[in-house]
Amino acid sequence: KTVSEYAELFLKTKKTLVKDSTYVRYESIINNQILPLFGQRAIDTIKLSEIKRWYNYWVSERSSATAIYIANTFSAIFKEAFYDEAIDKNPFDYIKRPKKIQGGAKPFGTDIIKLLISSAKDEWFKNFLALSFFTGLRTGEAVALKWEDIDFIEQEVEVKRSRRYGKDITPKTEKSKRIVPIFDELLPYLQSQRDLTSDSENDYVFLSRDGTPFNDGNRIRDYHWKKLLAKVELPYQRLYDTRSSFATMMLSSGKFSINHIAQMMGHTNVDMLIHKYNKFIPAEVRKID
C-alpha cells in the first residue's frame, strides 16, 4: 500500500477523535509536506536515509516546534502501516527530534506600536495591526472575525471562531470564546475598516485583494508583516507578539486585575498568564492580585 492510502486511514481515524483545528492541521501537513514527495510510494520501500533528509530539510526551514509536529504526523502514518504489518519498523523510531523551543514573549513598546501602525502601507493593514495590538486576538481569530461579531454600541468584540487553512474552526480552547472590549484607541480603525468593506458582499472584517477572506495568517505574516519590519528597520519578531504587547500594556496599566486580563486574552487559567508574562507584571500587582 502507498503512503497516500495509509495517510487517508490515519485521517479517518483522527476525524472523530480530535478538534477541528487539530484535524485541519494534520490534513494540511499531509497534503503539503508529505504527499507531494512520498504520496505514491509504497510505504515499505521508503528508506531511513530518505526520511532523514526530508526531516532535516524541515528542521532547517521551520521552527523546531513545527518541524517536530510535521515529523510526528508522518510517524503516525508509519504506525498505521506497522499495525497493519505492512512494515516491520517505524523509521522515525531511529530519528532524534530536536528539543522543542518555545519563543518567549517579546512585546513591543508603545512608541514602536505607533510606528508600526503608522508605517503600514495599506489602510486595511493599519486597521489589522490596531485590532491585533489593542485586543490581543490571535492572528487566526482576527482573520476569522465577521462584522456580526463587532458591537459598536456596546464597544465589544465577540471572539467565537478562528481560521486556518481556509476553514473556519473553533477557537484554540473553550475559554478562547470570549468578549473583548473595544477601547477608544481602536474605534477609529474599526470604523475605517468598515468603510473599506462597505461595498463587499462578504461579511468578514478583513478581506484579501480578490474580496475573499484570508485562508489564515500566513500570507499576512510572510508578506505584509515581514515587509513592514524591514521598512522600519526592525529585526524580525513574530506577528504573535502583537498579542504579547496587548498583555503587557494591560498588565502595566494597573487598571485591570490579572483575572480580567486572562479572560480578555482567552487563557485557560490565570497561571498561564502569570507564567508567560510574570516579568512584565508590576510587583505591587503580583502581591495583591
C-alpha atoms as a PDB file:
ATOM      1  CA  LYS A   1       0.000   0.000   0.000  1.00  0.00           C
ATOM      2  CA  THR A   2       1.088   3.568  -0.612  1.00  0.00           C
ATOM      3  CA  VAL A   3       1.794   6.364   1.833  1.00  0.00           C
ATOM      4  CA  SER A   4      -1.311   8.103   0.471  1.00  0.00           C
ATOM      5  CA  GLU A   5      -3.516   5.142   1.438  1.00  0.00           C
ATOM      6  CA  TYR A   6      -2.167   4.992   4.978  1.00  0.00           C
ATOM      7  CA  ALA A   7      -2.424   8.791   5.278  1.00  0.00           C
ATOM      8  CA  GLU A   8      -6.113   8.500   4.372  1.00  0.00           C
ATOM      9  CA  LEU A   9      -6.546   5.796   7.013  1.00  0.00           C
ATOM     10  CA  PHE A  10      -4.806   7.976   9.602  1.00  0.00           C
ATOM     11  CA  LEU A  11      -7.069  10.958   8.832  1.00  0.00           C
ATOM     12  CA  LYS A  12     -10.221   8.830   9.031  1.00  0.00           C
ATOM     13  CA  THR A  13      -9.090   7.585  12.434  1.00  0.00           C
ATOM     14  CA  LYS A  14      -8.459  11.133  13.696  1.00  0.00           C
ATOM     15  CA  LYS A  15     -11.613  12.692  12.212  1.00  0.00           C
ATOM     16  CA  THR A  16     -13.827  11.944  15.208  1.00  0.00           C
ATOM     17  CA  LEU A  17     -11.105  11.941  17.867  1.00  0.00           C
ATOM     18  CA  VAL A  18      -9.536  15.403  17.654  1.00  0.00           C
ATOM     19  CA  LYS A  19     -10.694  19.004  17.467  1.00  0.00           C
ATOM     20  CA  ASP A  20     -11.450  20.523  14.081  1.00  0.00           C
ATOM     21  CA  SER A  21      -8.384  22.767  14.330  1.00  0.00           C
ATOM     22  CA  THR A  22      -6.094  19.793  15.004  1.00  0.00           C
ATOM     23  CA  TYR A  23      -7.624  17.751  12.179  1.00  0.00           C
ATOM     24  CA  VAL A  24      -7.238  20.625   9.713  1.00  0.00           C
ATOM     25  CA  ARG A  25      -3.566  20.951  10.679  1.00  0.00           C
ATOM     26  CA  TYR A  26      -2.971  17.211  10.173  1.00  0.00           C
ATOM     27  CA  GLU A  27      -4.701  17.413   6.804  1.00  0.00           C
ATOM     28  CA  SER A  28      -2.632  20.415   5.688  1.00  0.00           C
ATOM     29  CA  ILE A  29       0.687  18.850   6.725  1.00  0.00           C
ATOM     30  CA  ILE A  30      -0.156  15.616   4.914  1.00  0.00           C
ATOM     31  CA  ASN A  31      -1.261  17.377   1.723  1.00  0.00           C
ATOM     32  CA  ASN A  32       1.557  19.928   1.623  1.00  0.00           C
ATOM     33  CA  GLN A  33       4.587  18.400   3.340  1.00  0.00           C
ATOM     34  CA  ILE A  34       4.208  14.631   2.957  1.00  0.00           C
ATOM     35  CA  LEU A  35       2.169  13.540  -0.065  1.00  0.00           C
ATOM     36  CA  PRO A  36       3.905  15.661  -2.742  1.00  0.00           C
ATOM     37  CA  LEU A  37       7.136  13.708  -2.222  1.00  0.00           C
ATOM     38  CA  PHE A  38       6.015  10.350  -0.822  1.00  0.00           C
ATOM     39  CA  GLY A  39       2.308  10.009  -1.619  1.00  0.00           C
ATOM     40  CA  GLN A  40       2.543   7.450  -4.448  1.00  0.00           C
ATOM     41  CA  ARG A  41       5.405   5.464  -2.917  1.00  0.00           C
ATOM     42  CA  ALA A  42       4.784   2.020  -1.479  1.00  0.00           C
ATOM     43  CA  ILE A  43       5.322   2.606   2.211  1.00  0.00           C
ATOM     44  CA  ASP A  44       7.623  -0.407   2.634  1.00  0.00           C
ATOM     45  CA  THR A  45      10.080   0.939   0.033  1.00  0.00           C
ATOM     46  CA  ILE A  46      10.942   4.174   1.852  1.00  0.00           C
ATOM     47  CA  LYS A  47      14.426   4.126   3.355  1.00  0.00           C
ATOM     48  CA  LEU A  48      15.556   5.660   6.628  1.00  0.00           C
ATOM     49  CA  SER A  49      18.069   7.843   4.778  1.00  0.00           C
ATOM     50  CA  GLU A  50      15.247   9.398   2.732  1.00  0.00           C
ATOM     51  CA  ILE A  51      13.266  10.196   5.863  1.00  0.00           C
ATOM     52  CA  LYS A  52      16.332  11.751   7.481  1.00  0.00           C
ATOM     53  CA  ARG A  53      16.965  14.033   4.504  1.00  0.00           C
ATOM     54  CA  TRP A  54      13.300  15.022   4.396  1.00  0.00           C
ATOM     55  CA  TYR A  55      13.208  15.703   8.136  1.00  0.00           C
ATOM     56  CA  ASN A  56      16.460  17.673   8.151  1.00  0.00           C
ATOM     57  CA  TYR A  57      15.010  19.914   5.461  1.00  0.00           C
ATOM     58  CA  TRP A  58      12.008  20.836   7.630  1.00  0.00           C
ATOM     59  CA  VAL A  59      14.207  21.361  10.688  1.00  0.00           C
ATOM     60  CA  SER A  60      16.176  23.929   8.687  1.00  0.00           C
ATOM     61  CA  GLU A  61      13.081  25.584   7.166  1.00  0.00           C
ATOM     62  CA  ARG A  62      10.691  25.787  10.121  1.00  0.00           C
ATOM     63  CA  SER A  63      10.747  26.326  13.857  1.00  0.00           C
ATOM     64  CA  SER A  64      11.677  23.307  15.961  1.00  0.00           C
ATOM     65  CA  ALA A  65       8.089  23.013  17.207  1.00  0.00           C
ATOM     66  CA  THR A  66       6.658  22.959  13.662  1.00  0.00           C
ATOM     67  CA  ALA A  67       9.298  20.519  12.376  1.00  0.00           C
ATOM     68  CA  ILE A  68       8.512  18.162  15.254  1.00  0.00           C
ATOM     69  CA  TYR A  69       4.781  18.383  14.524  1.00  0.00           C
ATOM     70  CA  ILE A  70       5.393  17.567  10.847  1.00  0.00           C
ATOM     71  CA  ALA A  71       7.614  14.615  11.771  1.00  0.00           C
ATOM     72  CA  ASN A  72       5.155  13.283  14.343  1.00  0.00           C
ATOM     73  CA  THR A  73       2.370  13.357  11.745  1.00  0.00           C
ATOM     74  CA  PHE A  74       4.418  11.290   9.278  1.00  0.00           C
ATOM     75  CA  SER A  75       5.472   8.966  12.091  1.00  0.00           C
ATOM     76  CA  ALA A  76       1.806   8.351  12.919  1.00  0.00           C
ATOM     77  CA  ILE A  77       1.194   7.332   9.291  1.00  0.00           C
ATOM     78  CA  PHE A  78       4.030   4.807   9.514  1.00  0.00           C
ATOM     79  CA  LYS A  79       2.468   3.479  12.744  1.00  0.00           C
ATOM     80  CA  GLU A  80      -0.729   2.715  10.837  1.00  0.00           C
ATOM     81  CA  ALA A  81       1.358   0.665   8.388  1.00  0.00           C
ATOM     82  CA  PHE A  82       3.194  -1.029  11.284  1.00  0.00           C
ATOM     83  CA  TYR A  83      -0.090  -2.043  12.941  1.00  0.00           C
ATOM     84  CA  ASP A  84      -1.207  -3.363   9.557  1.00  0.00           C
ATOM     85  CA  GLU A  85       2.028  -5.436   9.377  1.00  0.00           C
ATOM     86  CA  ALA A  86       2.984  -3.732   6.104  1.00  0.00           C
ATOM     87  CA  ILE A  87       6.339  -2.708   7.630  1.00  0.00           C
ATOM     88  CA  ASP A  88       8.366  -4.244  10.456  1.00  0.00           C
ATOM     89  CA  LYS A  89       9.644  -0.956  11.934  1.00  0.00           C
ATOM     90  CA  ASN A  90       8.862   2.743  12.014  1.00  0.00           C
ATOM     91  CA  PRO A  91      11.824   4.749  10.626  1.00  0.00           C
ATOM     92  CA  PHE A  92      11.001   7.645  12.938  1.00  0.00           C
ATOM     93  CA  ASP A  93      11.935   5.468  15.916  1.00  0.00           C
ATOM     94  CA  TYR A  94      15.539   5.981  14.768  1.00  0.00           C
ATOM     95  CA  ILE A  95      15.406   9.747  14.306  1.00  0.00           C
ATOM     96  CA  LYS A  96      16.192  12.035  17.199  1.00  0.00           C
ATOM     97  CA  ARG A  97      13.935  15.102  17.357  1.00  0.00           C
ATOM     98  CA  PRO A  98      15.417  18.435  18.428  1.00  0.00           C
ATOM     99  CA  LYS A  99      14.207  19.931  21.682  1.00  0.00           C
ATOM    100  CA  LYS A 100      11.060  21.972  21.306  1.00  0.00           C
ATOM    101  CA  ILE A 101      11.993  25.610  21.807  1.00  0.00           C
ATOM    102  CA  GLN A 102       9.167  27.943  22.731  1.00  0.00           C
ATOM    103  CA  GLY A 103       9.728  31.575  21.859  1.00  0.00           C
ATOM    104  CA  GLY A 104       9.417  33.899  24.834  1.00  0.00           C
ATOM    105  CA  ALA A 105       7.162  36.933  24.889  1.00  0.00           C
ATOM    106  CA  LYS A 106       8.782  39.953  23.247  1.00  0.00           C
ATOM    107  CA  PRO A 107       6.254  42.770  23.497  1.00  0.00           C
ATOM    108  CA  PHE A 108       6.639  45.973  21.531  1.00  0.00           C
ATOM    109  CA  GLY A 109       6.818  49.285  23.355  1.00  0.00           C
ATOM    110  CA  THR A 110       4.108  51.891  22.792  1.00  0.00           C
ATOM    111  CA  ASP A 111       6.340  54.058  20.583  1.00  0.00           C
ATOM    112  CA  ILE A 112       7.128  51.102  18.333  1.00  0.00           C
ATOM    113  CA  ILE A 113       3.448  50.135  18.189  1.00  0.00           C
ATOM    114  CA  LYS A 114       2.583  53.633  16.957  1.00  0.00           C
ATOM    115  CA  LEU A 115       5.446  53.470  14.438  1.00  0.00           C
ATOM    116  CA  LEU A 116       4.329  50.106  13.053  1.00  0.00           C
ATOM    117  CA  ILE A 117       0.698  51.105  12.646  1.00  0.00           C
ATOM    118  CA  SER A 118       1.511  54.469  11.042  1.00  0.00           C
ATOM    119  CA  SER A 119       4.120  52.914   8.709  1.00  0.00           C
ATOM    120  CA  ALA A 120       1.864  50.179   7.344  1.00  0.00           C
ATOM    121  CA  LYS A 121       1.428  50.730   3.614  1.00  0.00           C
ATOM    122  CA  ASP A 122      -2.207  49.674   3.225  1.00  0.00           C
ATOM    123  CA  GLU A 123      -5.107  51.097   5.190  1.00  0.00           C
ATOM    124  CA  TRP A 124      -6.541  47.661   5.927  1.00  0.00           C
ATOM    125  CA  PHE A 125      -3.195  46.528   7.351  1.00  0.00           C
ATOM    126  CA  LYS A 126      -3.079  49.569   9.670  1.00  0.00           C
ATOM    127  CA  ASN A 127      -6.531  48.533  10.873  1.00  0.00           C
ATOM    128  CA  PHE A 128      -5.476  44.902  11.235  1.00  0.00           C
ATOM    129  CA  LEU A 129      -2.450  45.847  13.338  1.00  0.00           C
ATOM    130  CA  ALA A 130      -4.509  48.173  15.516  1.00  0.00           C
ATOM    131  CA  LEU A 131      -7.014  45.381  16.167  1.00  0.00           C
ATOM    132  CA  SER A 132      -4.203  42.954  16.983  1.00  0.00           C
ATOM    133  CA  PHE A 133      -2.366  45.323  19.311  1.00  0.00           C
ATOM    134  CA  PHE A 134      -5.464  46.654  21.114  1.00  0.00           C
ATOM    135  CA  THR A 135      -7.453  43.430  21.572  1.00  0.00           C
ATOM    136  CA  GLY A 136      -4.797  40.703  21.875  1.00  0.00           C
ATOM    137  CA  LEU A 137      -6.616  38.490  19.364  1.00  0.00           C
ATOM    138  CA  ARG A 138      -4.634  35.624  17.907  1.00  0.00           C
ATOM    139  CA  THR A 139      -3.970  36.068  14.179  1.00  0.00           C
ATOM    140  CA  GLY A 140      -6.342  33.238  13.262  1.00  0.00           C
ATOM    141  CA  GLU A 141      -9.068  34.840  15.386  1.00  0.00           C
ATOM    142  CA  ALA A 142      -8.513  38.228  13.729  1.00  0.00           C
ATOM    143  CA  VAL A 143      -8.827  36.929  10.142  1.00  0.00           C
ATOM    144  CA  ALA A 144     -11.945  34.933  11.127  1.00  0.00           C
ATOM    145  CA  LEU A 145     -13.689  37.995  12.538  1.00  0.00           C
ATOM    146  CA  LYS A 146     -17.010  38.967  10.957  1.00  0.00           C
ATOM    147  CA  TRP A 147     -18.909  42.237  11.234  1.00  0.00           C
ATOM    148  CA  GLU A 148     -21.664  40.477  13.147  1.00  0.00           C
ATOM    149  CA  ASP A 149     -19.099  39.878  15.914  1.00  0.00           C
ATOM    150  CA  ILE A 150     -18.488  43.597  16.457  1.00  0.00           C
ATOM    151  CA  ASP A 151     -20.866  45.681  18.552  1.00  0.00           C
ATOM    152  CA  PHE A 152     -20.054  49.360  18.035  1.00  0.00           C
ATOM    153  CA  ILE A 153     -22.716  50.496  20.523  1.00  0.00           C
ATOM    154  CA  GLU A 154     -21.507  48.375  23.440  1.00  0.00           C
ATOM    155  CA  GLN A 155     -17.919  48.586  22.135  1.00  0.00           C
ATOM    156  CA  GLU A 156     -17.309  44.864  22.287  1.00  0.00           C
ATOM    157  CA  VAL A 157     -15.831  42.164  20.067  1.00  0.00           C
ATOM    158  CA  GLU A 158     -17.135  38.616  20.381  1.00  0.00           C
ATOM    159  CA  VAL A 159     -14.466  36.017  19.629  1.00  0.00           C
ATOM    160  CA  LYS A 160     -16.090  32.718  18.665  1.00  0.00           C
ATOM    161  CA  ARG A 161     -14.079  31.259  15.778  1.00  0.00           C
ATOM    162  CA  SER A 162     -10.599  31.030  14.311  1.00  0.00           C
ATOM    163  CA  ARG A 163      -9.443  30.459  10.740  1.00  0.00           C
ATOM    164  CA  ARG A 164      -6.793  28.064   9.462  1.00  0.00           C
ATOM    165  CA  TYR A 165      -6.009  26.687   6.003  1.00  0.00           C
ATOM    166  CA  GLY A 166      -9.091  28.351   4.524  1.00  0.00           C
ATOM    167  CA  LYS A 167     -11.573  26.955   7.049  1.00  0.00           C
ATOM    168  CA  ASP A 168     -13.419  28.485   9.978  1.00  0.00           C
ATOM    169  CA  ILE A 169     -12.778  26.380  13.060  1.00  0.00           C
ATOM    170  CA  THR A 170     -13.493  26.541  16.762  1.00  0.00           C
ATOM    171  CA  PRO A 171     -11.070  28.682  18.797  1.00  0.00           C
ATOM    172  CA  LYS A 172      -7.996  27.171  20.428  1.00  0.00           C
ATOM    173  CA  THR A 173      -9.774  26.323  23.714  1.00  0.00           C
ATOM    174  CA  GLU A 174     -13.258  26.698  25.162  1.00  0.00           C
ATOM    175  CA  LYS A 175     -12.004  29.715  27.154  1.00  0.00           C
ATOM    176  CA  SER A 176     -10.929  31.301  23.853  1.00  0.00           C
ATOM    177  CA  LYS A 177     -14.594  32.064  23.194  1.00  0.00           C
ATOM    178  CA  ARG A 178     -14.844  35.435  24.861  1.00  0.00           C
ATOM    179  CA  ILE A 179     -15.919  39.065  24.809  1.00  0.00           C
ATOM    180  CA  VAL A 180     -13.141  41.648  24.362  1.00  0.00           C
ATOM    181  CA  PRO A 181     -13.724  45.382  24.937  1.00  0.00           C
ATOM    182  CA  ILE A 182     -13.146  47.866  22.125  1.00  0.00           C
ATOM    183  CA  PHE A 183     -11.008  50.591  23.655  1.00  0.00           C
ATOM    184  CA  ASP A 184     -11.399  54.130  22.360  1.00  0.00           C
ATOM    185  CA  GLU A 185      -7.986  53.973  20.644  1.00  0.00           C
ATOM    186  CA  LEU A 186      -9.209  51.112  18.444  1.00  0.00           C
ATOM    187  CA  LEU A 187     -12.590  52.546  17.473  1.00  0.00           C
ATOM    188  CA  PRO A 188     -11.485  54.774  14.540  1.00  0.00           C
ATOM    189  CA  TYR A 189      -9.541  51.893  12.970  1.00  0.00           C
ATOM    190  CA  LEU A 190     -12.594  49.609  13.047  1.00  0.00           C
ATOM    191  CA  GLN A 191     -14.739  52.374  11.581  1.00  0.00           C
ATOM    192  CA  SER A 192     -12.136  52.862   8.842  1.00  0.00           C
ATOM    193  CA  GLN A 193     -12.188  49.134   8.071  1.00  0.00           C
ATOM    194  CA  ARG A 194     -15.974  49.124   7.910  1.00  0.00           C
ATOM    195  CA  ASP A 195     -15.810  51.915   5.333  1.00  0.00           C
ATOM    196  CA  LEU A 196     -13.298  49.914   3.285  1.00  0.00           C
ATOM    197  CA  THR A 197     -15.549  46.844   3.142  1.00  0.00           C
ATOM    198  CA  SER A 198     -18.921  48.581   2.932  1.00  0.00           C
ATOM    199  CA  ASP A 199     -19.376  47.623  -0.748  1.00  0.00           C
ATOM    200  CA  SER A 200     -18.414  43.989  -0.233  1.00  0.00           C
ATOM    201  CA  GLU A 201     -20.942  41.187  -0.088  1.00  0.00           C
ATOM    202  CA  ASN A 202     -18.550  39.249   2.134  1.00  0.00           C
ATOM    203  CA  ASP A 203     -19.159  39.624   5.864  1.00  0.00           C
ATOM    204  CA  TYR A 204     -15.565  39.096   7.026  1.00  0.00           C
ATOM    205  CA  VAL A 205     -13.850  42.149   8.527  1.00  0.00           C
ATOM    206  CA  PHE A 206     -10.559  41.642   6.660  1.00  0.00           C
ATOM    207  CA  LEU A 207     -10.514  40.661   3.000  1.00  0.00           C
ATOM    208  CA  SER A 208      -7.759  39.834   0.531  1.00  0.00           C
ATOM    209  CA  ARG A 209      -7.366  41.691  -2.767  1.00  0.00           C
ATOM    210  CA  ASP A 210      -9.875  39.451  -4.520  1.00  0.00           C
ATOM    211  CA  GLY A 211     -12.531  40.197  -1.902  1.00  0.00           C
ATOM    212  CA  THR A 212     -12.352  36.842  -0.122  1.00  0.00           C
ATOM    213  CA  PRO A 213     -11.299  36.168   3.485  1.00  0.00           C
ATOM    214  CA  PHE A 214      -7.690  35.250   4.200  1.00  0.00           C
ATOM    215  CA  ASN A 215      -7.082  31.496   4.468  1.00  0.00           C
ATOM    216  CA  ASP A 216      -5.134  32.091   7.683  1.00  0.00           C
ATOM    217  CA  GLY A 217      -2.495  34.488   8.961  1.00  0.00           C
ATOM    218  CA  ASN A 218       0.399  33.073   6.923  1.00  0.00           C
ATOM    219  CA  ARG A 219       0.265  35.494   3.995  1.00  0.00           C
ATOM    220  CA  ILE A 220      -0.196  38.465   6.309  1.00  0.00           C
ATOM    221  CA  ARG A 221       2.845  37.349   8.285  1.00  0.00           C
ATOM    222  CA  ASP A 222       5.090  36.343   5.380  1.00  0.00           C
ATOM    223  CA  TYR A 223       4.304  39.216   3.049  1.00  0.00           C
ATOM    224  CA  HIS A 224       2.902  42.272   4.822  1.00  0.00           C
ATOM    225  CA  TRP A 225       4.395  41.873   8.319  1.00  0.00           C
ATOM    226  CA  LYS A 226       7.937  40.987   7.269  1.00  0.00           C
ATOM    227  CA  LYS A 227       7.997  43.826   4.729  1.00  0.00           C
ATOM    228  CA  LEU A 228       6.813  46.292   7.365  1.00  0.00           C
ATOM    229  CA  LEU A 229       9.538  45.292   9.845  1.00  0.00           C
ATOM    230  CA  ALA A 230      12.169  45.659   7.121  1.00  0.00           C
ATOM    231  CA  LYS A 231      10.752  49.057   6.157  1.00  0.00           C
ATOM    232  CA  VAL A 232      11.103  50.458   9.692  1.00  0.00           C
ATOM    233  CA  GLU A 233      14.442  48.645  10.120  1.00  0.00           C
ATOM    234  CA  LEU A 234      13.390  46.409  12.989  1.00  0.00           C
ATOM    235  CA  PRO A 235      14.697  42.845  13.440  1.00  0.00           C
ATOM    236  CA  TYR A 236      12.185  40.097  12.805  1.00  0.00           C
ATOM    237  CA  GLN A 237       9.673  39.382  15.543  1.00  0.00           C
ATOM    238  CA  ARG A 238       6.627  37.169  15.453  1.00  0.00           C
ATOM    239  CA  LEU A 239       3.323  38.692  14.421  1.00  0.00           C
ATOM    240  CA  TYR A 240       2.065  36.873  17.519  1.00  0.00           C
ATOM    241  CA  ASP A 241       3.944  39.451  19.610  1.00  0.00           C
ATOM    242  CA  THR A 242       1.122  41.894  18.922  1.00  0.00           C
ATOM    243  CA  ARG A 243      -0.755  39.704  21.418  1.00  0.00           C
ATOM    244  CA  SER A 244       2.136  39.816  23.879  1.00  0.00           C
ATOM    245  CA  SER A 245       2.131  43.608  23.558  1.00  0.00           C
ATOM    246  CA  PHE A 246      -1.562  43.781  24.451  1.00  0.00           C
ATOM    247  CA  ALA A 247      -0.976  41.624  27.523  1.00  0.00           C
ATOM    248  CA  THR A 248       1.887  43.747  28.821  1.00  0.00           C
ATOM    249  CA  MET A 249       0.024  47.019  28.146  1.00  0.00           C
ATOM    250  CA  MET A 250      -2.932  45.741  30.163  1.00  0.00           C
ATOM    251  CA  LEU A 251      -0.692  44.499  32.971  1.00  0.00           C
ATOM    252  CA  SER A 252       1.365  47.688  33.211  1.00  0.00           C
ATOM    253  CA  SER A 253      -1.721  49.949  33.124  1.00  0.00           C
ATOM    254  CA  GLY A 254      -2.723  48.818  36.612  1.00  0.00           C
ATOM    255  CA  LYS A 255      -6.400  49.243  35.634  1.00  0.00           C
ATOM    256  CA  PHE A 256      -7.293  45.566  35.294  1.00  0.00           C
ATOM    257  CA  SER A 257      -6.956  42.538  37.511  1.00  0.00           C
ATOM    258  CA  ILE A 258      -4.897  39.599  36.295  1.00  0.00           C
ATOM    259  CA  ASN A 259      -8.117  37.568  36.209  1.00  0.00           C
ATOM    260  CA  HIS A 260      -9.770  40.112  33.900  1.00  0.00           C
ATOM    261  CA  ILE A 261      -6.753  40.228  31.575  1.00  0.00           C
ATOM    262  CA  ALA A 262      -6.646  36.414  31.399  1.00  0.00           C
ATOM    263  CA  GLN A 263     -10.342  36.429  30.409  1.00  0.00           C
ATOM    264  CA  MET A 264      -9.778  39.085  27.709  1.00  0.00           C
ATOM    265  CA  MET A 265      -6.951  37.031  26.221  1.00  0.00           C
ATOM    266  CA  GLY A 266      -8.828  33.740  26.370  1.00  0.00           C
ATOM    267  CA  HIS A 267      -6.283  31.998  28.596  1.00  0.00           C
ATOM    268  CA  THR A 268      -7.394  28.720  30.106  1.00  0.00           C
ATOM    269  CA  ASN A 269      -6.372  29.903  33.560  1.00  0.00           C
ATOM    270  CA  VAL A 270      -4.577  32.728  35.362  1.00  0.00           C
ATOM    271  CA  ASP A 271      -1.488  30.566  35.889  1.00  0.00           C
ATOM    272  CA  MET A 272      -0.812  30.597  32.142  1.00  0.00           C
ATOM    273  CA  LEU A 273      -0.836  34.397  32.049  1.00  0.00           C
ATOM    274  CA  ILE A 274       1.434  34.676  35.086  1.00  0.00           C
ATOM    275  CA  HIS A 275       3.851  32.077  33.695  1.00  0.00           C
ATOM    276  CA  LYS A 276       4.189  33.801  30.310  1.00  0.00           C
ATOM    277  CA  TYR A 277       4.250  37.422  31.450  1.00  0.00           C
ATOM    278  CA  ASN A 278       5.449  37.289  35.059  1.00  0.00           C
ATOM    279  CA  LYS A 279       8.380  39.637  34.495  1.00  0.00           C
ATOM    280  CA  PHE A 280       6.039  42.243  32.984  1.00  0.00           C
ATOM    281  CA  ILE A 281       3.611  42.247  35.924  1.00  0.00           C
ATOM    282  CA  PRO A 282       4.235  45.185  38.298  1.00  0.00           C
ATOM    283  CA  ALA A 283       5.497  43.995  41.672  1.00  0.00           C
ATOM    284  CA  GLU A 284       2.610  45.589  43.563  1.00  0.00           C
ATOM    285  CA  VAL A 285       0.088  43.780  41.356  1.00  0.00           C
ATOM    286  CA  ARG A 286       1.790  40.405  41.872  1.00  0.00           C
ATOM    287  CA  LYS A 287       1.464  40.837  45.615  1.00  0.00           C
ATOM    288  CA  ILE A 288      -2.202  41.731  45.819  1.00  0.00           C
ATOM    289  CA  ASP A 289      -3.994  40.146  42.899  1.00  0.00           C
END
